[in-house]
Protein backbone atom coordinates (compact mmCIF):
# COMPACT_ATOMS: atom_id res chain seq x y z
CA MET A 1 19.95 -36.42 -29.22
CA GLN A 2 18.11 -38.08 -32.09
CA ASP A 3 15.64 -40.11 -30.02
CA CYS A 4 15.14 -41.42 -26.51
CA ALA A 5 12.97 -43.67 -24.36
CA ILE A 6 12.47 -44.02 -20.60
CA LEU A 7 11.57 -47.32 -18.89
CA THR A 8 11.54 -48.67 -15.36
CA HIS A 9 13.88 -51.47 -14.37
CA GLU A 10 14.11 -53.58 -11.21
CA GLY A 11 17.58 -52.96 -9.80
CA PRO A 12 19.30 -54.07 -6.58
CA SER A 13 17.88 -51.04 -4.77
CA GLY A 14 14.34 -51.24 -6.22
CA LEU A 15 12.63 -49.78 -9.27
CA GLN A 16 14.81 -47.36 -11.21
CA LEU A 17 14.33 -45.21 -14.28
CA VAL A 18 16.52 -46.16 -17.24
CA GLY A 19 17.03 -43.83 -20.18
CA TYR A 20 17.84 -45.16 -23.66
CA VAL A 21 19.34 -42.55 -25.99
CA ILE A 22 20.22 -42.48 -29.69
CA PRO A 23 22.80 -39.66 -29.76
CA ARG A 24 23.55 -37.38 -32.69
CA GLU A 25 27.22 -37.25 -31.66
CA PRO A 26 29.66 -39.94 -30.50
CA ALA A 27 28.62 -41.62 -27.25
CA THR A 28 31.06 -40.72 -24.47
CA ALA A 29 31.09 -40.61 -20.69
CA GLU A 30 31.24 -36.81 -20.96
CA LEU A 31 28.06 -36.73 -23.05
CA ARG A 32 26.30 -39.01 -20.54
CA GLU A 33 27.30 -36.74 -17.63
CA HIS A 34 26.26 -33.64 -19.58
CA LEU A 35 22.80 -35.08 -20.28
CA LEU A 36 22.30 -36.21 -16.67
CA SER A 37 23.47 -32.84 -15.35
CA ASP A 38 21.03 -31.06 -17.63
CA LEU A 39 18.18 -33.33 -16.52
CA ARG A 40 19.00 -32.77 -12.83
CA SER A 41 18.81 -29.02 -13.36
CA ARG A 42 15.36 -29.29 -14.96
CA LEU A 43 13.63 -32.19 -13.20
CA PRO A 44 12.98 -33.29 -9.62
CA ASP A 45 15.29 -36.03 -8.39
CA TYR A 46 12.75 -38.85 -8.73
CA MET A 47 12.27 -38.10 -12.45
CA VAL A 48 15.98 -38.24 -13.37
CA PRO A 49 17.06 -41.62 -14.83
CA ALA A 50 19.44 -43.63 -12.69
CA HIS A 51 21.11 -44.90 -15.89
CA LEU A 52 21.55 -43.67 -19.45
CA LEU A 53 22.34 -46.22 -22.17
CA PHE A 54 23.46 -45.14 -25.64
CA LEU A 55 22.17 -47.16 -28.62
CA GLU A 56 22.74 -46.90 -32.37
CA HIS A 57 19.07 -47.69 -33.01
CA PHE A 58 16.01 -48.92 -31.11
CA PRO A 59 14.89 -52.56 -31.53
CA LEU A 60 11.48 -52.73 -33.21
CA ASN A 61 8.86 -55.47 -33.27
CA ALA A 62 6.96 -56.75 -36.33
CA ASN A 63 4.53 -53.83 -36.02
CA GLY A 64 7.33 -51.26 -36.13
CA LYS A 65 6.89 -50.40 -32.43
CA LEU A 66 9.61 -50.26 -29.80
CA ASP A 67 10.41 -53.80 -28.63
CA ARG A 68 11.03 -53.25 -24.93
CA GLN A 69 12.02 -56.87 -24.37
CA GLN A 70 15.02 -56.43 -26.65
CA LEU A 71 16.39 -53.32 -24.91
CA PRO A 72 19.62 -54.09 -23.04
CA THR A 73 19.54 -54.44 -19.27
CA PRO A 74 21.45 -51.63 -17.52
CA ASP A 75 24.79 -52.65 -16.10
CA ALA A 76 26.36 -49.87 -14.05
CA SER A 77 29.80 -51.46 -14.34
CA LEU A 78 29.86 -50.65 -18.07
CA TRP A 79 30.14 -46.92 -17.44
CA ARG A 80 31.75 -46.70 -14.05
CA GLN A 81 34.82 -44.56 -13.81
CA THR A 82 38.11 -46.46 -13.76
CA TYR A 83 38.12 -48.09 -10.35
CA VAL A 84 40.17 -46.21 -7.78
CA ALA A 85 40.15 -47.81 -4.35
CA PRO A 86 39.30 -45.66 -1.32
CA THR A 87 42.44 -44.75 0.60
CA THR A 88 41.54 -42.61 3.61
CA ALA A 89 39.54 -43.92 6.55
CA LEU A 90 36.66 -41.60 5.67
CA GLU A 91 36.59 -42.73 2.02
CA GLN A 92 36.61 -46.38 3.10
CA ALA A 93 33.77 -45.81 5.59
CA LEU A 94 31.69 -43.95 2.99
CA ALA A 95 32.30 -46.69 0.40
CA GLU A 96 31.13 -49.36 2.84
CA LEU A 97 27.92 -47.44 3.55
CA TRP A 98 27.31 -46.94 -0.18
CA GLN A 99 27.78 -50.66 -0.84
CA GLN A 100 25.17 -51.47 1.81
CA ALA A 101 22.72 -48.80 0.62
CA LEU A 102 23.04 -49.66 -3.08
CA GLY A 103 23.36 -53.43 -2.72
CA ILE A 104 26.61 -53.66 -4.71
CA GLU A 105 29.93 -55.31 -3.92
CA ARG A 106 32.46 -52.61 -4.74
CA VAL A 107 32.48 -48.80 -4.89
CA GLY A 108 35.40 -46.71 -6.10
CA VAL A 109 36.39 -43.16 -5.23
CA SER A 110 35.14 -41.82 -8.59
CA ASP A 111 31.84 -43.73 -8.73
CA ASN A 112 28.66 -41.67 -8.76
CA PHE A 113 25.98 -42.50 -6.17
CA PHE A 114 23.11 -41.81 -8.56
CA GLU A 115 24.67 -43.53 -11.58
CA LEU A 116 25.03 -46.65 -9.44
CA GLY A 117 21.27 -46.69 -8.87
CA GLY A 118 20.87 -44.30 -5.99
CA HIS A 119 17.69 -42.21 -5.75
CA SER A 120 16.16 -39.80 -3.26
CA ILE A 121 14.86 -42.45 -0.83
CA LEU A 122 18.18 -44.32 -0.81
CA ALA A 123 19.98 -41.00 -0.41
CA ILE A 124 17.89 -40.14 2.66
CA GLN A 125 18.50 -43.62 4.10
CA PHE A 126 22.24 -43.21 3.49
CA ILE A 127 22.23 -39.79 5.18
CA SER A 128 20.43 -41.26 8.20
CA THR A 129 22.91 -44.15 8.41
CA LEU A 130 25.82 -41.72 8.06
CA LYS A 131 24.56 -39.81 11.10
CA ALA A 132 23.92 -42.98 13.13
CA ARG A 133 27.19 -44.77 12.28
CA LEU A 134 29.72 -41.93 11.87
CA ASN A 135 27.95 -39.02 13.61
CA ILE A 136 28.28 -36.99 10.39
CA GLU A 137 25.42 -34.69 9.46
CA LEU A 138 24.76 -34.25 5.74
CA ARG A 139 21.96 -32.57 3.82
CA LEU A 140 20.41 -34.06 0.71
CA GLN A 141 21.50 -31.13 -1.47
CA GLU A 142 25.07 -31.62 -0.27
CA LEU A 143 25.02 -35.24 -1.43
CA LEU A 144 23.54 -34.13 -4.76
CA ALA A 145 26.34 -31.60 -5.17
CA HIS A 146 29.07 -34.12 -4.22
CA PRO A 147 27.84 -37.47 -5.63
CA SER A 148 31.17 -39.38 -5.68
CA ILE A 149 33.04 -40.89 -2.74
CA GLY A 150 36.07 -38.67 -3.37
CA ALA A 151 34.08 -35.45 -3.71
CA LEU A 152 31.90 -36.23 -0.70
CA ALA A 153 34.85 -37.13 1.54
CA SER A 154 36.64 -33.91 0.57
CA PHE A 155 33.48 -31.88 1.25
CA ILE A 156 32.91 -33.48 4.67
CA SER A 157 36.55 -32.90 5.67
CA ARG A 158 36.42 -29.28 4.50
CA LYS A 159 33.12 -28.68 6.27
CA HIS A 160 34.56 -30.09 9.51
CA ARG A 161 37.60 -27.82 9.26
CA GLU A 162 35.41 -24.78 8.66
CA GLN A 163 33.16 -25.63 11.62
CA SER A 164 36.16 -25.98 13.91
CA GLN A 165 37.67 -22.67 12.80
CA CYS A 166 37.03 -19.55 14.84
CA VAL A 167 38.02 -17.10 12.06
CA VAL A 168 35.30 -16.96 9.40
CA ARG A 169 35.16 -14.78 6.31
CA LEU A 170 32.14 -12.46 6.10
CA ASN A 171 32.60 -10.91 2.65
CA THR A 172 34.90 -10.85 -0.38
CA ALA A 173 37.48 -8.37 -1.60
CA PRO A 174 40.53 -8.33 -3.90
CA ALA A 175 43.69 -10.01 -2.59
CA THR A 176 45.36 -6.58 -2.37
CA ALA A 177 42.65 -5.20 -0.05
CA PRO A 178 43.31 -4.94 3.71
CA ASN A 179 41.86 -7.44 6.19
CA LEU A 180 39.69 -6.42 9.14
CA PHE A 181 39.32 -8.93 11.99
CA CYS A 182 36.11 -8.32 13.98
CA VAL A 183 35.99 -9.94 17.41
CA HIS A 184 32.76 -11.37 18.84
CA PRO A 185 30.93 -9.69 21.74
CA SER A 186 29.70 -11.61 24.79
CA GLY A 187 27.27 -13.67 22.71
CA GLY A 188 30.23 -15.37 21.05
CA ILE A 189 28.93 -14.94 17.48
CA VAL A 190 29.78 -12.45 14.73
CA PHE A 191 26.34 -11.90 13.19
CA CYS A 192 26.52 -8.28 14.37
CA TYR A 193 29.33 -7.47 11.92
CA GLN A 194 27.44 -8.47 8.77
CA PRO A 195 26.23 -4.91 7.97
CA LEU A 196 29.82 -3.65 8.28
CA ALA A 197 31.09 -6.50 6.10
CA LYS A 198 28.48 -5.65 3.49
CA LYS A 199 29.55 -1.99 3.56
CA LEU A 200 33.19 -3.00 3.03
CA GLN A 201 32.42 -5.49 0.24
CA GLY A 202 35.13 -5.12 -2.40
CA GLN A 203 37.13 -2.66 -0.26
CA ALA A 204 38.35 -4.90 2.57
CA SER A 205 38.12 -8.56 3.57
CA VAL A 206 36.15 -8.73 6.81
CA TYR A 207 36.73 -11.74 9.05
CA GLY A 208 34.69 -12.59 12.12
CA VAL A 209 36.49 -14.06 15.12
CA MET A 210 33.90 -16.40 16.65
CA HIS A 211 33.92 -18.11 20.04
CA ARG A 212 34.84 -21.80 19.89
CA GLY A 213 32.11 -22.68 22.39
CA PHE A 214 29.73 -23.27 19.49
CA ASN A 215 31.80 -26.36 18.65
CA GLN A 216 30.76 -28.63 21.50
CA GLN A 217 33.95 -30.66 21.32
CA GLN A 218 36.27 -27.73 21.89
CA ASN A 219 37.54 -25.50 24.68
CA ASP A 220 34.86 -26.08 27.27
CA GLY A 221 36.98 -24.61 30.06
CA GLN A 222 39.18 -22.18 28.12
CA THR A 223 40.65 -19.37 30.22
CA TRP A 224 40.77 -15.73 29.10
CA ASP A 225 44.50 -15.83 28.35
CA ALA A 226 44.20 -19.15 26.48
CA MET A 227 41.37 -17.69 24.39
CA ILE A 228 43.44 -14.60 23.50
CA ALA A 229 46.43 -16.76 22.53
CA ASP A 230 44.16 -19.03 20.46
CA TYR A 231 42.57 -16.13 18.57
CA SER A 232 45.96 -14.54 17.94
CA ARG A 233 47.29 -17.77 16.41
CA GLU A 234 44.22 -18.12 14.18
CA ILE A 235 44.50 -14.53 12.98
CA ILE A 236 48.16 -15.07 12.10
CA LYS A 237 47.16 -18.23 10.19
CA ALA A 238 44.68 -16.18 8.19
CA GLN A 239 47.20 -13.35 7.66
CA PRO A 240 50.82 -14.31 8.41
CA GLN A 241 52.20 -10.75 8.32
CA GLY A 242 51.03 -7.31 9.42
CA PRO A 243 49.85 -4.67 9.38
CA TYR A 244 46.82 -6.00 11.25
CA HIS A 245 43.45 -4.32 11.65
CA LEU A 246 41.25 -5.28 14.62
CA LEU A 247 37.75 -4.27 15.71
CA GLY A 248 35.71 -5.21 18.75
CA TRP A 249 32.25 -4.18 19.90
CA SER A 250 31.16 -4.52 23.53
CA LEU A 251 33.15 -7.38 25.14
CA GLY A 252 34.90 -7.76 21.79
CA GLY A 253 36.74 -4.53 22.63
CA PRO A 254 38.85 -5.91 25.50
CA ILE A 255 39.48 -9.09 23.50
CA ALA A 256 40.69 -7.05 20.50
CA LEU A 257 42.88 -4.96 22.80
CA ASP A 258 44.55 -8.06 24.24
CA ILE A 259 45.02 -9.56 20.76
CA ALA A 260 46.71 -6.33 19.67
CA ALA A 261 49.11 -6.61 22.61
CA ILE A 262 49.95 -10.22 21.69
CA LEU A 263 50.53 -9.40 18.00
CA GLU A 264 52.74 -6.43 18.84
CA GLY A 265 54.64 -8.56 21.33
CA LEU A 266 55.43 -10.95 18.47
CA GLY A 267 56.89 -8.08 16.46
CA HIS A 268 53.88 -7.42 14.22
CA GLN A 269 52.39 -4.02 13.46
CA VAL A 270 48.79 -3.31 14.40
CA ALA A 271 47.68 -0.39 12.24
CA PHE A 272 44.07 -0.15 13.41
CA LEU A 273 42.39 -1.02 16.71
CA GLY A 274 38.71 -0.12 16.70
CA LEU A 275 36.87 -0.26 20.03
CA VAL A 276 33.10 0.18 19.75
CA ASP A 277 31.66 0.97 23.20
CA SER A 278 34.25 -1.32 24.72
CA THR A 279 33.30 -3.06 27.96
CA VAL A 280 35.13 -1.88 31.07
CA PRO A 281 35.53 -4.27 34.04
CA GLU A 282 33.05 -3.38 36.78
CA GLN A 283 35.68 -3.50 39.50
CA LEU A 284 37.60 -0.62 37.92
CA TYR A 285 34.80 1.93 38.27
CA PRO A 286 35.16 4.16 41.37
CA GLY A 287 32.35 3.64 43.84
CA GLY A 288 31.13 7.24 43.74
CA LEU A 289 31.17 7.62 39.95
CA PRO A 290 27.71 8.66 38.62
CA ARG A 291 26.55 6.00 36.14
CA HIS A 292 23.51 4.94 34.13
CA ARG A 293 22.95 1.40 35.41
CA HIS A 294 19.52 0.68 33.87
CA LEU A 295 20.33 -0.45 30.35
CA HIS A 296 18.00 -0.05 27.40
CA GLY A 297 15.46 -2.88 27.19
CA GLU A 298 16.17 -4.26 30.67
CA GLN A 299 13.15 -5.59 32.52
CA PRO A 300 13.72 -5.46 36.29
CA GLY A 301 11.35 -7.45 38.45
CA SER A 302 10.07 -9.71 35.66
CA ASP A 303 8.10 -12.79 36.73
CA ALA A 304 9.32 -14.74 33.69
CA SER A 305 11.00 -18.11 34.19
CA GLU A 306 14.77 -18.28 34.13
CA GLU A 307 14.57 -20.45 30.99
CA LEU A 308 12.49 -17.81 29.18
CA ARG A 309 14.74 -14.96 30.34
CA ASP A 310 17.75 -16.91 29.09
CA ALA A 311 16.08 -17.51 25.72
CA ILE A 312 15.16 -13.84 25.33
CA GLY A 313 18.58 -12.72 26.53
CA TYR A 314 20.31 -14.92 24.00
CA PHE A 315 17.93 -13.82 21.25
CA ASP A 316 18.77 -10.19 22.11
CA LEU A 317 22.46 -10.99 21.76
CA LEU A 318 21.76 -12.34 18.27
CA PHE A 319 19.40 -9.51 17.28
CA PRO A 320 20.24 -6.35 19.26
CA THR A 321 17.97 -4.22 17.04
CA LEU A 322 14.92 -6.15 18.23
CA THR A 323 15.39 -5.70 21.99
CA GLU A 324 12.55 -3.19 22.32
CA ARG A 325 10.17 -5.64 20.67
CA THR A 326 11.27 -8.56 22.86
CA ALA A 327 11.02 -6.40 26.00
CA ALA A 328 7.45 -5.48 25.05
CA TRP A 329 6.60 -9.14 24.42
CA LEU A 330 7.98 -10.09 27.84
CA ARG A 331 5.89 -7.39 29.53
CA ASP A 332 2.77 -8.72 27.82
CA SER A 333 3.59 -12.43 28.27
CA PRO A 334 5.62 -12.81 31.50
CA HIS A 335 4.48 -16.42 31.91
CA GLY A 336 5.00 -17.46 28.29
CA SER A 337 7.04 -20.49 27.27
CA VAL A 338 10.24 -20.58 25.26
CA LYS A 339 8.34 -22.18 22.37
CA GLN A 340 5.74 -19.39 22.42
CA PHE A 341 8.52 -16.83 22.37
CA TYR A 342 10.21 -18.54 19.42
CA ASP A 343 6.94 -18.77 17.48
CA TRP A 344 6.40 -15.05 18.05
CA ALA A 345 10.02 -14.12 17.24
CA ALA A 346 9.97 -16.03 13.95
CA GLY A 347 7.17 -13.71 12.80
CA LEU A 348 9.17 -10.53 13.38
CA VAL A 349 10.83 -10.66 10.00
CA GLU A 350 9.25 -8.64 7.23
CA PRO A 351 9.09 -9.83 3.60
CA GLY A 352 12.25 -9.04 1.71
CA GLN A 353 14.62 -9.44 4.65
CA GLY A 354 15.94 -12.71 3.30
CA GLU A 355 19.20 -13.00 5.27
CA LEU A 356 17.55 -12.16 8.57
CA LEU A 357 14.64 -14.47 7.80
CA THR A 358 16.99 -17.40 7.29
CA THR A 359 18.70 -16.71 10.60
CA VAL A 360 15.44 -16.25 12.51
CA GLN A 361 14.06 -19.47 11.08
CA ASN A 362 17.08 -21.26 12.54
CA ILE A 363 16.85 -19.53 15.91
CA LYS A 364 14.88 -22.36 17.54
CA THR A 365 17.93 -24.59 17.47
CA GLU A 366 20.07 -21.84 18.94
CA VAL A 367 17.82 -20.64 21.77
CA MET A 368 17.23 -24.22 22.87
CA ASN A 369 20.95 -24.99 22.79
CA ALA A 370 22.40 -25.12 26.30
CA GLN A 371 25.88 -24.93 24.80
CA ALA A 372 24.99 -21.57 23.26
CA PHE A 373 23.56 -20.28 26.54
CA SER A 374 26.77 -21.11 28.34
CA VAL A 375 29.01 -19.17 25.93
CA HIS A 376 27.87 -15.84 27.34
CA GLU A 377 28.22 -17.03 30.93
CA ARG A 378 31.70 -18.43 30.33
CA LEU A 379 32.89 -15.26 28.62
CA VAL A 380 31.61 -13.03 31.42
CA GLU A 381 33.28 -15.28 33.99
CA ALA A 382 36.56 -15.37 32.05
CA PHE A 383 36.50 -11.56 31.72
CA ASP A 384 37.41 -11.32 35.41
CA ALA A 385 40.99 -12.17 34.37
CA PHE A 386 41.24 -9.23 31.93
CA THR A 387 43.71 -6.42 32.63
CA PHE A 388 44.49 -3.43 30.42
CA LYS A 389 47.82 -3.87 28.62
CA PRO A 390 49.89 -1.21 26.83
CA VAL A 391 49.86 -1.13 23.01
CA ASP A 392 51.69 0.88 20.38
CA VAL A 393 48.63 1.38 18.17
CA LYS A 394 46.46 4.39 18.94
CA PRO A 395 42.96 3.03 19.62
CA SER A 396 39.99 4.41 17.69
CA CYS A 397 36.95 4.59 19.98
CA TRP A 398 33.20 4.92 19.51
CA TRP A 399 30.88 5.35 22.48
CA ALA A 400 27.13 4.92 23.06
CA VAL A 401 26.37 8.18 24.86
CA PRO A 402 22.67 7.58 25.78
CA GLU A 403 23.70 5.01 28.40
CA LYS A 404 26.67 6.80 29.96
CA THR A 405 27.00 9.80 32.21
CA ALA A 406 29.60 12.38 31.23
CA GLN A 407 31.75 11.22 34.16
CA GLU A 408 31.49 7.55 33.17
CA LEU A 409 32.39 8.37 29.58
CA ALA A 410 35.41 10.43 30.62
CA PHE A 411 36.60 7.64 32.91
CA ALA A 412 36.33 4.99 30.17
CA GLU A 413 38.12 7.22 27.66
CA ALA A 414 40.94 7.84 30.13
CA LEU A 415 41.38 4.09 30.74
CA ILE A 416 41.76 3.39 27.02
CA THR A 417 44.03 6.39 26.51
CA ARG A 418 46.41 5.13 29.19
CA CYS A 419 46.72 1.84 27.26
CA SER A 420 48.25 3.68 24.31
CA ARG A 421 52.00 4.08 24.75
CA SER A 422 51.71 7.38 22.90
CA GLY A 423 49.23 8.60 25.50
CA ALA A 424 46.70 9.47 22.80
CA LEU A 425 43.73 8.01 20.95
CA ASN A 426 43.44 8.01 17.17
CA CYS A 427 39.87 9.25 17.65
CA SER A 428 37.04 9.16 20.19
CA LEU A 429 33.61 9.56 18.62
CA TYR A 430 30.13 9.59 20.13
CA SER A 431 27.07 7.74 18.86
CA PRO A 432 23.47 8.71 19.70
CA GLU A 433 22.47 5.03 19.39
CA PRO A 434 22.11 2.72 22.42
CA HIS A 435 24.79 0.11 23.01
CA ARG A 436 22.83 -2.92 21.77
CA SER A 437 21.94 -1.44 18.38
CA MET A 438 24.80 0.93 17.62
CA ILE A 439 26.83 -1.66 15.68
CA PHE A 440 23.95 -1.87 13.16
CA ASP A 441 23.61 1.91 12.76
CA GLU A 442 24.48 3.21 9.28
CA GLY A 443 26.03 6.37 10.68
CA LEU A 444 28.36 4.47 12.99
CA ILE A 445 29.23 1.94 10.28
CA GLY A 446 30.11 4.77 7.91
CA SER A 447 32.32 6.34 10.57
CA VAL A 448 34.13 3.05 11.28
CA VAL A 449 34.71 2.49 7.55
CA GLU A 450 36.11 6.00 7.11
CA VAL A 451 38.54 5.73 10.02
CA PHE A 452 39.58 2.16 9.18
CA LEU A 453 40.27 2.82 5.50
CA GLY A 454 42.07 6.04 6.41
CA VAL A 455 44.75 4.49 8.62
CA ASP A 456 46.73 3.01 5.71
CA ARG A 457 46.61 6.10 3.52
């Protein structure tokens, strides 16, 4: 630009910054958007002009100074995009809220919230009204990234679809790479598979199959069989044809086994079925079988409140590697509150552990969420309906040996082997790690990757 000036102007939504620019090149809408985009990347929101007006020259007074009184008044209609009326119900609702927030009569699909005079305070007010009127939650940075009615409506719709999906992508890989579907354990979430997904980055697309109970509008009373059918449909949507590759840790093992049976029953090939210390129904164990019943980190006889035990139990499901630390905290603070536990837990993260830090900082919402607590309980209750079904694929098994007697391990292996129509396992490997942390162990992850990538060779 050749020259510029910034002034304040009283608009329908209050004081606004107006930029006056003498450009070196032809004045176009593209140039205006380029300049505003550049300013937004460099300046805080409140310092970015709501309007940019292009002038051939600045009006000067008798003293050769800028004559502010002669500068044109901003008129947003002069540079609005060609009016396109909102068509969908969501676009129409958003346009109505924008009109109220900005104090203007008409808003089109292509109009920009900030070019129409919106600023950070109005944006926050709009976000609050959006939540109150339409029950839609939106963050300020999301509005900044999608400032038109059309872009915002598309983003909200896409976000809703993603939140209602149970199959979520955990990494990226070329389109020719195989897919690996990792089924949630009893906590219902797929956080535990992130180290594996990171290891397979670029080699395989890892998808997490997450319990729908985290969407409060869905599947409150879903049975075991309905859940298996639901997951199978979603996996087929993500990958219409086989061969399929499935993995399940803990309670995810029986779920993956049942999904494999469904997929094979539909005529699809399941090339890999990984079962990581798969849960076996209690009622199947013979009464006299020697077993290790005291699990790592368990605190029998604790005086802690049920609410605190639930919070710690759910936290342990999210962060199995921290169970020793939480068990020690509970021993030292048996009468602590959930808030005290959260405050302590948030300090566990060391500098540099960015991904974990982000998750821990959000844990307060999760541990206080009754819906999240109930996911584990519902899954355990639904598991009573599980029965072992025969499959063509040879299961690949990994076992946590510190928590199993030799007899218990042999019994579990035999149960899984009988599920394979071939009467054999692809492999049965032992891990020295305890059940709760084995899925994070580099040695086990490396073993899973080797076996998984080897099945298609």
